[in-house]
Every structure is written in C-alpha cells, then in structure tokens.
Amino acid sequence: MRKFNITVNGKTYEVDVEEVGGTLSAPVAAPAPAAAPVSAPAPKAAAPKAAGSMGAKKVTAPMPGTVVSIKVNVGDKVESGTLVAVLEAMKMENEIFAGADGVIASVNASAGDSVNTGDVLVSIN
C-alpha cells in the first residue's frame, strides 16, 4: 500500500493505493492488470488453442477494451511490427502489433470481443 495526498477543488484527501503486480506487453505501455472477471466465451476459446501452441509467442491485450478487428489469419506470415489487431479502449482505437517474426499459430479473439489486460489475442510460432 502506498499513501498519496490528492487535492480536489482545494480540499485535500489522503488515499491508500494498492500496487498490483503484472507484466506489460510490448510495444504498447499499459497499466498493471486489474483483477476483473473474464466473460465465459473467451476462456473456452483461448484454452484449447493456447494448449496447441506451446512455445508460441503471445500477442496480448495491453489494456481492457473491445476488439474492433483482427488483421491476421492462422497461417499468415508476420514480421515484428506487423499490425495484428485493433483494440478500442476509452473511445480510442489502439493498433496492436506483432512482437516477433513468425507464423500465426492461433487467433484467440474476434471482432466485438471484450478483452482484459493480458488476454491473448493471437499466438505466433
């Protein structure tokens, strides 16, 4: 826990903030993941595909949002920096890029899906 003093409209408040650990995905910086429930369809779709792609590099959602589009298909060859998905968060569209060269092993999300920080969007072998 960390304590901060926040002043709003001239009135000072003391707040306690708990730091939650987690990893950030590259190349987009994002806040630490919040413990939020995941919708039922997402884990069912992600689990079998992730198990089949052991050792694959995962492209994850850097923030909670809604998938606008997935720009790749299974079997597509990609290079590091290739646009793989567009994620809408806070009324802004964020482009998500591949972090490595390879072939798309699985697509774990589709347009319209709600995702949380750290959810796997695609896997690259």
N, C-alpha and C. Protein backbone atom coordinates (compact mmCIF):
# COMPACT_ATOMS: atom_id res chain seq x y z
N MET A 1 0.84 -1.19 0.00
CA MET A 1 0.00 0.00 0.00
C MET A 1 0.88 1.24 0.00
N ARG A 2 0.48 2.20 -0.82
CA ARG A 2 1.17 3.48 -0.85
C ARG A 2 0.14 4.55 -0.54
N LYS A 3 0.57 5.57 0.18
CA LYS A 3 -0.33 6.67 0.56
C LYS A 3 -0.02 7.88 -0.29
N PHE A 4 -1.08 8.55 -0.75
CA PHE A 4 -0.95 9.76 -1.53
C PHE A 4 -1.92 10.80 -1.01
N ASN A 5 -1.54 12.07 -1.14
CA ASN A 5 -2.45 13.18 -0.85
C ASN A 5 -2.94 13.72 -2.18
N ILE A 6 -4.25 13.78 -2.34
CA ILE A 6 -4.88 14.28 -3.55
C ILE A 6 -5.67 15.53 -3.19
N THR A 7 -5.49 16.59 -3.98
CA THR A 7 -6.24 17.81 -3.75
C THR A 7 -7.24 18.00 -4.88
N VAL A 8 -8.52 18.12 -4.51
CA VAL A 8 -9.59 18.33 -5.48
C VAL A 8 -10.38 19.56 -5.04
N ASN A 9 -10.43 20.56 -5.92
CA ASN A 9 -11.15 21.81 -5.62
C ASN A 9 -10.74 22.40 -4.28
N GLY A 10 -9.44 22.37 -3.99
CA GLY A 10 -8.92 22.98 -2.78
C GLY A 10 -9.03 22.12 -1.53
N LYS A 11 -9.67 20.97 -1.60
CA LYS A 11 -9.81 20.09 -0.44
C LYS A 11 -8.85 18.91 -0.61
N THR A 12 -8.05 18.62 0.43
CA THR A 12 -7.04 17.56 0.37
C THR A 12 -7.60 16.27 0.96
N TYR A 13 -7.37 15.17 0.22
CA TYR A 13 -7.79 13.85 0.66
C TYR A 13 -6.55 12.96 0.73
N GLU A 14 -6.50 12.09 1.75
CA GLU A 14 -5.43 11.10 1.84
C GLU A 14 -6.00 9.78 1.33
N VAL A 15 -5.30 9.18 0.35
CA VAL A 15 -5.79 7.93 -0.23
C VAL A 15 -4.71 6.86 -0.13
N ASP A 16 -5.14 5.62 0.03
CA ASP A 16 -4.25 4.46 0.02
C ASP A 16 -4.43 3.77 -1.32
N VAL A 17 -3.32 3.46 -1.99
CA VAL A 17 -3.37 2.80 -3.29
C VAL A 17 -2.59 1.50 -3.19
N GLU A 18 -3.23 0.41 -3.60
CA GLU A 18 -2.57 -0.88 -3.59
C GLU A 18 -1.95 -1.12 -4.96
N GLU A 19 -0.67 -1.49 -4.98
CA GLU A 19 0.02 -1.76 -6.23
C GLU A 19 -0.19 -3.23 -6.58
N VAL A 20 -0.68 -3.49 -7.80
CA VAL A 20 -0.94 -4.85 -8.25
C VAL A 20 0.13 -5.22 -9.26
N GLY A 21 0.82 -6.33 -9.04
CA GLY A 21 1.89 -6.75 -9.93
C GLY A 21 1.35 -7.34 -11.21
N GLY A 22 2.17 -7.40 -12.23
CA GLY A 22 1.78 -7.99 -13.51
C GLY A 22 2.81 -7.65 -14.56
N THR A 23 2.63 -8.20 -15.74
CA THR A 23 3.56 -7.93 -16.83
C THR A 23 2.89 -7.05 -17.85
N LEU A 24 3.70 -6.28 -18.54
CA LEU A 24 3.21 -5.42 -19.60
C LEU A 24 3.60 -6.03 -20.93
N SER A 25 2.74 -5.87 -21.93
CA SER A 25 3.09 -6.39 -23.24
C SER A 25 3.68 -5.28 -24.09
N ALA A 26 4.58 -5.64 -24.96
CA ALA A 26 5.24 -4.66 -25.82
C ALA A 26 4.52 -4.61 -27.15
N PRO A 27 4.55 -3.58 -27.89
CA PRO A 27 5.28 -2.35 -27.68
C PRO A 27 4.45 -1.27 -27.00
N VAL A 28 3.21 -1.53 -26.64
CA VAL A 28 2.36 -0.51 -26.05
C VAL A 28 2.43 -0.60 -24.54
N ALA A 29 2.73 0.51 -23.85
CA ALA A 29 2.76 0.54 -22.39
C ALA A 29 1.33 0.56 -21.87
N ALA A 30 1.08 -0.13 -20.76
CA ALA A 30 -0.26 -0.20 -20.20
C ALA A 30 -0.18 -0.27 -18.68
N PRO A 31 -1.26 0.07 -17.99
CA PRO A 31 -1.28 -0.05 -16.54
C PRO A 31 -1.28 -1.52 -16.13
N ALA A 32 -0.91 -1.78 -14.88
CA ALA A 32 -0.90 -3.15 -14.37
C ALA A 32 -2.30 -3.74 -14.47
N PRO A 33 -2.41 -5.05 -14.73
CA PRO A 33 -3.73 -5.65 -14.92
C PRO A 33 -4.56 -5.60 -13.64
N ALA A 34 -5.84 -5.34 -13.80
CA ALA A 34 -6.76 -5.32 -12.68
C ALA A 34 -7.45 -6.68 -12.61
N ALA A 35 -7.76 -7.12 -11.41
CA ALA A 35 -8.45 -8.39 -11.25
C ALA A 35 -9.91 -8.19 -11.64
N ALA A 36 -10.25 -8.63 -12.84
CA ALA A 36 -11.62 -8.47 -13.34
C ALA A 36 -12.08 -9.80 -13.91
N PRO A 37 -13.37 -10.11 -13.78
CA PRO A 37 -13.85 -11.38 -14.33
C PRO A 37 -13.80 -11.37 -15.85
N VAL A 38 -13.49 -12.51 -16.42
CA VAL A 38 -13.43 -12.66 -17.86
C VAL A 38 -14.74 -13.26 -18.33
N SER A 39 -15.25 -12.79 -19.47
CA SER A 39 -16.51 -13.33 -19.98
C SER A 39 -16.35 -14.81 -20.28
N ALA A 40 -17.42 -15.57 -20.17
CA ALA A 40 -17.36 -17.02 -20.31
C ALA A 40 -16.84 -17.51 -21.66
N PRO A 41 -17.22 -16.94 -22.81
CA PRO A 41 -16.74 -17.48 -24.08
C PRO A 41 -15.23 -17.34 -24.28
N ALA A 42 -14.62 -16.28 -23.81
CA ALA A 42 -13.20 -16.04 -24.08
C ALA A 42 -12.29 -17.15 -23.54
N PRO A 43 -12.40 -17.58 -22.26
CA PRO A 43 -11.51 -18.62 -21.79
C PRO A 43 -11.70 -19.94 -22.53
N LYS A 44 -12.95 -20.29 -22.89
CA LYS A 44 -13.20 -21.54 -23.59
C LYS A 44 -12.53 -21.52 -24.95
N ALA A 45 -12.59 -20.38 -25.64
CA ALA A 45 -11.97 -20.29 -26.97
C ALA A 45 -10.45 -20.26 -26.86
N ALA A 46 -9.91 -19.62 -25.83
CA ALA A 46 -8.47 -19.45 -25.71
C ALA A 46 -7.78 -20.72 -25.22
N ALA A 47 -8.37 -21.47 -24.34
CA ALA A 47 -7.71 -22.60 -23.71
C ALA A 47 -7.25 -23.67 -24.71
N PRO A 48 -8.11 -24.18 -25.59
CA PRO A 48 -7.64 -25.23 -26.49
C PRO A 48 -6.57 -24.73 -27.46
N LYS A 49 -6.70 -23.53 -27.96
CA LYS A 49 -5.75 -23.01 -28.93
C LYS A 49 -4.40 -22.77 -28.26
N ALA A 50 -4.39 -22.24 -27.03
CA ALA A 50 -3.14 -21.96 -26.34
C ALA A 50 -2.40 -23.26 -26.04
N ALA A 51 -3.14 -24.33 -25.70
CA ALA A 51 -2.51 -25.60 -25.39
C ALA A 51 -1.82 -26.18 -26.62
N GLY A 52 -2.37 -25.95 -27.82
CA GLY A 52 -1.81 -26.48 -29.04
C GLY A 52 -0.63 -25.67 -29.54
N SER A 53 -0.35 -24.54 -28.95
CA SER A 53 0.73 -23.68 -29.44
C SER A 53 1.76 -23.44 -28.34
N MET A 54 2.26 -24.55 -27.78
CA MET A 54 3.26 -24.45 -26.73
C MET A 54 4.52 -23.80 -27.31
N GLY A 55 5.13 -22.89 -26.57
CA GLY A 55 6.33 -22.22 -27.02
C GLY A 55 6.06 -21.06 -27.97
N ALA A 56 4.80 -20.81 -28.27
CA ALA A 56 4.46 -19.72 -29.17
C ALA A 56 4.58 -18.39 -28.44
N LYS A 57 4.89 -17.36 -29.20
CA LYS A 57 4.92 -16.02 -28.64
C LYS A 57 3.50 -15.49 -28.68
N LYS A 58 3.05 -14.91 -27.59
CA LYS A 58 1.68 -14.45 -27.50
C LYS A 58 1.61 -12.94 -27.63
N VAL A 59 0.66 -12.47 -28.41
CA VAL A 59 0.38 -11.04 -28.52
C VAL A 59 -0.84 -10.82 -27.63
N THR A 60 -0.66 -10.03 -26.56
CA THR A 60 -1.72 -9.85 -25.58
C THR A 60 -2.31 -8.45 -25.63
N ALA A 61 -3.50 -8.32 -25.07
CA ALA A 61 -4.16 -7.02 -24.98
C ALA A 61 -3.43 -6.18 -23.93
N PRO A 62 -2.96 -4.99 -24.29
CA PRO A 62 -2.23 -4.16 -23.33
C PRO A 62 -3.15 -3.43 -22.36
N MET A 63 -4.45 -3.47 -22.62
CA MET A 63 -5.43 -2.77 -21.78
C MET A 63 -6.80 -3.40 -22.00
N PRO A 64 -7.73 -3.19 -21.08
CA PRO A 64 -9.09 -3.69 -21.31
C PRO A 64 -9.74 -2.91 -22.46
N GLY A 65 -10.55 -3.60 -23.24
CA GLY A 65 -11.23 -2.92 -24.33
C GLY A 65 -12.04 -3.89 -25.16
N THR A 66 -12.44 -3.43 -26.35
CA THR A 66 -13.22 -4.22 -27.28
C THR A 66 -12.43 -4.39 -28.56
N VAL A 67 -12.35 -5.61 -29.05
CA VAL A 67 -11.63 -5.88 -30.29
C VAL A 67 -12.46 -5.31 -31.44
N VAL A 68 -11.85 -4.40 -32.20
CA VAL A 68 -12.51 -3.82 -33.37
C VAL A 68 -12.31 -4.75 -34.56
N SER A 69 -11.06 -5.21 -34.75
CA SER A 69 -10.78 -6.13 -35.86
C SER A 69 -9.50 -6.89 -35.60
N ILE A 70 -9.45 -8.08 -36.18
CA ILE A 70 -8.24 -8.89 -36.19
C ILE A 70 -7.74 -8.85 -37.62
N LYS A 71 -6.49 -8.46 -37.83
CA LYS A 71 -5.95 -8.22 -39.16
C LYS A 71 -5.20 -9.40 -39.75
N VAL A 72 -5.09 -10.52 -39.01
CA VAL A 72 -4.36 -11.69 -39.49
C VAL A 72 -5.21 -12.94 -39.37
N ASN A 73 -4.80 -13.99 -40.07
CA ASN A 73 -5.46 -15.29 -40.01
C ASN A 73 -4.43 -16.35 -39.66
N VAL A 74 -4.89 -17.50 -39.18
CA VAL A 74 -4.00 -18.61 -38.88
C VAL A 74 -3.23 -18.97 -40.14
N GLY A 75 -1.92 -19.11 -40.01
CA GLY A 75 -1.07 -19.46 -41.14
C GLY A 75 -0.40 -18.27 -41.81
N ASP A 76 -0.84 -17.06 -41.51
CA ASP A 76 -0.22 -15.87 -42.10
C ASP A 76 1.19 -15.70 -41.56
N LYS A 77 2.13 -15.31 -42.44
CA LYS A 77 3.49 -14.99 -42.01
C LYS A 77 3.51 -13.52 -41.60
N VAL A 78 4.09 -13.24 -40.43
CA VAL A 78 4.18 -11.87 -39.93
C VAL A 78 5.61 -11.56 -39.52
N GLU A 79 5.93 -10.29 -39.55
CA GLU A 79 7.22 -9.81 -39.07
C GLU A 79 6.97 -8.97 -37.84
N SER A 80 7.98 -8.79 -37.03
CA SER A 80 7.87 -7.93 -35.87
C SER A 80 7.41 -6.55 -36.33
N GLY A 81 6.38 -6.01 -35.71
CA GLY A 81 5.86 -4.71 -36.08
C GLY A 81 4.67 -4.77 -37.02
N THR A 82 4.26 -5.98 -37.44
CA THR A 82 3.09 -6.13 -38.31
C THR A 82 1.82 -5.89 -37.49
N LEU A 83 0.88 -5.13 -38.04
CA LEU A 83 -0.40 -4.88 -37.37
C LEU A 83 -1.19 -6.18 -37.32
N VAL A 84 -1.56 -6.62 -36.10
CA VAL A 84 -2.32 -7.87 -35.97
C VAL A 84 -3.75 -7.63 -35.49
N ALA A 85 -4.00 -6.52 -34.78
CA ALA A 85 -5.34 -6.28 -34.27
C ALA A 85 -5.55 -4.80 -33.97
N VAL A 86 -6.82 -4.41 -33.88
CA VAL A 86 -7.18 -3.06 -33.47
C VAL A 86 -8.10 -3.22 -32.26
N LEU A 87 -7.76 -2.52 -31.18
CA LEU A 87 -8.48 -2.62 -29.91
C LEU A 87 -9.02 -1.25 -29.55
N GLU A 88 -10.31 -1.16 -29.25
CA GLU A 88 -10.90 0.11 -28.82
C GLU A 88 -10.93 0.15 -27.30
N ALA A 89 -10.34 1.21 -26.75
CA ALA A 89 -10.33 1.41 -25.31
C ALA A 89 -10.49 2.90 -25.05
N MET A 90 -11.38 3.25 -24.19
CA MET A 90 -11.63 4.65 -23.82
C MET A 90 -11.89 5.51 -25.05
N LYS A 91 -12.73 5.01 -25.97
CA LYS A 91 -13.14 5.73 -27.17
C LYS A 91 -12.00 6.00 -28.15
N MET A 92 -10.89 5.26 -28.01
CA MET A 92 -9.77 5.40 -28.92
C MET A 92 -9.44 4.04 -29.52
N GLU A 93 -9.07 4.02 -30.79
CA GLU A 93 -8.64 2.78 -31.42
C GLU A 93 -7.13 2.65 -31.27
N ASN A 94 -6.69 1.53 -30.73
CA ASN A 94 -5.27 1.27 -30.49
C ASN A 94 -4.83 0.12 -31.38
N GLU A 95 -3.76 0.34 -32.14
CA GLU A 95 -3.22 -0.70 -33.01
C GLU A 95 -2.30 -1.60 -32.19
N ILE A 96 -2.47 -2.92 -32.37
CA ILE A 96 -1.67 -3.90 -31.66
C ILE A 96 -0.78 -4.58 -32.69
N PHE A 97 0.53 -4.59 -32.45
CA PHE A 97 1.49 -5.10 -33.40
C PHE A 97 2.14 -6.39 -32.92
N ALA A 98 2.60 -7.21 -33.88
CA ALA A 98 3.33 -8.44 -33.56
C ALA A 98 4.66 -8.05 -32.93
N GLY A 99 5.06 -8.80 -31.93
CA GLY A 99 6.33 -8.53 -31.25
C GLY A 99 7.46 -9.41 -31.75
N ALA A 100 7.16 -10.29 -32.72
CA ALA A 100 8.18 -11.21 -33.21
C ALA A 100 7.85 -11.64 -34.63
N ASP A 101 8.85 -12.16 -35.32
CA ASP A 101 8.64 -12.75 -36.65
C ASP A 101 8.09 -14.16 -36.47
N GLY A 102 7.30 -14.62 -37.43
CA GLY A 102 6.81 -15.99 -37.38
C GLY A 102 5.54 -16.18 -38.18
N VAL A 103 4.84 -17.26 -37.83
CA VAL A 103 3.59 -17.62 -38.49
C VAL A 103 2.49 -17.62 -37.43
N ILE A 104 1.34 -17.08 -37.76
CA ILE A 104 0.22 -17.03 -36.81
C ILE A 104 -0.23 -18.47 -36.52
N ALA A 105 -0.10 -18.89 -35.26
CA ALA A 105 -0.46 -20.23 -34.84
C ALA A 105 -1.93 -20.30 -34.43
N SER A 106 -2.43 -19.23 -33.80
CA SER A 106 -3.83 -19.22 -33.40
C SER A 106 -4.32 -17.79 -33.29
N VAL A 107 -5.62 -17.63 -33.52
CA VAL A 107 -6.29 -16.35 -33.33
C VAL A 107 -7.28 -16.59 -32.20
N ASN A 108 -7.07 -15.91 -31.05
CA ASN A 108 -7.83 -16.19 -29.85
C ASN A 108 -8.94 -15.18 -29.57
N ALA A 109 -9.14 -14.22 -30.46
CA ALA A 109 -10.20 -13.22 -30.26
C ALA A 109 -10.79 -12.90 -31.62
N SER A 110 -11.97 -12.32 -31.59
CA SER A 110 -12.59 -11.89 -32.84
C SER A 110 -13.26 -10.53 -32.62
N ALA A 111 -13.62 -9.88 -33.71
CA ALA A 111 -14.24 -8.56 -33.64
C ALA A 111 -15.45 -8.59 -32.73
N GLY A 112 -15.53 -7.60 -31.85
CA GLY A 112 -16.65 -7.50 -30.91
C GLY A 112 -16.38 -8.10 -29.55
N ASP A 113 -15.32 -8.89 -29.42
CA ASP A 113 -15.00 -9.50 -28.12
C ASP A 113 -14.51 -8.43 -27.14
N SER A 114 -14.92 -8.55 -25.89
CA SER A 114 -14.37 -7.72 -24.82
C SER A 114 -13.18 -8.46 -24.23
N VAL A 115 -12.06 -7.77 -24.07
CA VAL A 115 -10.87 -8.39 -23.53
C VAL A 115 -10.36 -7.60 -22.34
N ASN A 116 -9.62 -8.27 -21.49
CA ASN A 116 -8.99 -7.65 -20.34
C ASN A 116 -7.48 -7.56 -20.60
N THR A 117 -6.81 -6.78 -19.80
CA THR A 117 -5.36 -6.67 -19.90
C THR A 117 -4.74 -8.06 -19.79
N GLY A 118 -3.85 -8.39 -20.73
CA GLY A 118 -3.16 -9.67 -20.68
C GLY A 118 -3.85 -10.80 -21.42
N ASP A 119 -5.09 -10.62 -21.89
CA ASP A 119 -5.75 -11.66 -22.66
C ASP A 119 -5.01 -11.86 -23.98
N VAL A 120 -4.83 -13.11 -24.39
CA VAL A 120 -4.12 -13.42 -25.62
C VAL A 120 -5.02 -13.13 -26.82
N LEU A 121 -4.50 -12.32 -27.76
CA LEU A 121 -5.23 -12.01 -28.99
C LEU A 121 -4.83 -12.99 -30.08
N VAL A 122 -3.52 -13.16 -30.31
CA VAL A 122 -3.00 -14.12 -31.28
C VAL A 122 -1.71 -14.73 -30.74
N SER A 123 -1.37 -15.92 -31.26
CA SER A 123 -0.12 -16.59 -30.93
C SER A 123 0.71 -16.71 -32.19
N ILE A 124 2.03 -16.54 -32.05
CA ILE A 124 2.94 -16.60 -33.19
C ILE A 124 3.98 -17.68 -32.93
N ASN A 125 4.14 -18.59 -33.89
CA ASN A 125 5.20 -19.62 -33.81
C ASN A 125 6.37 -19.17 -34.62
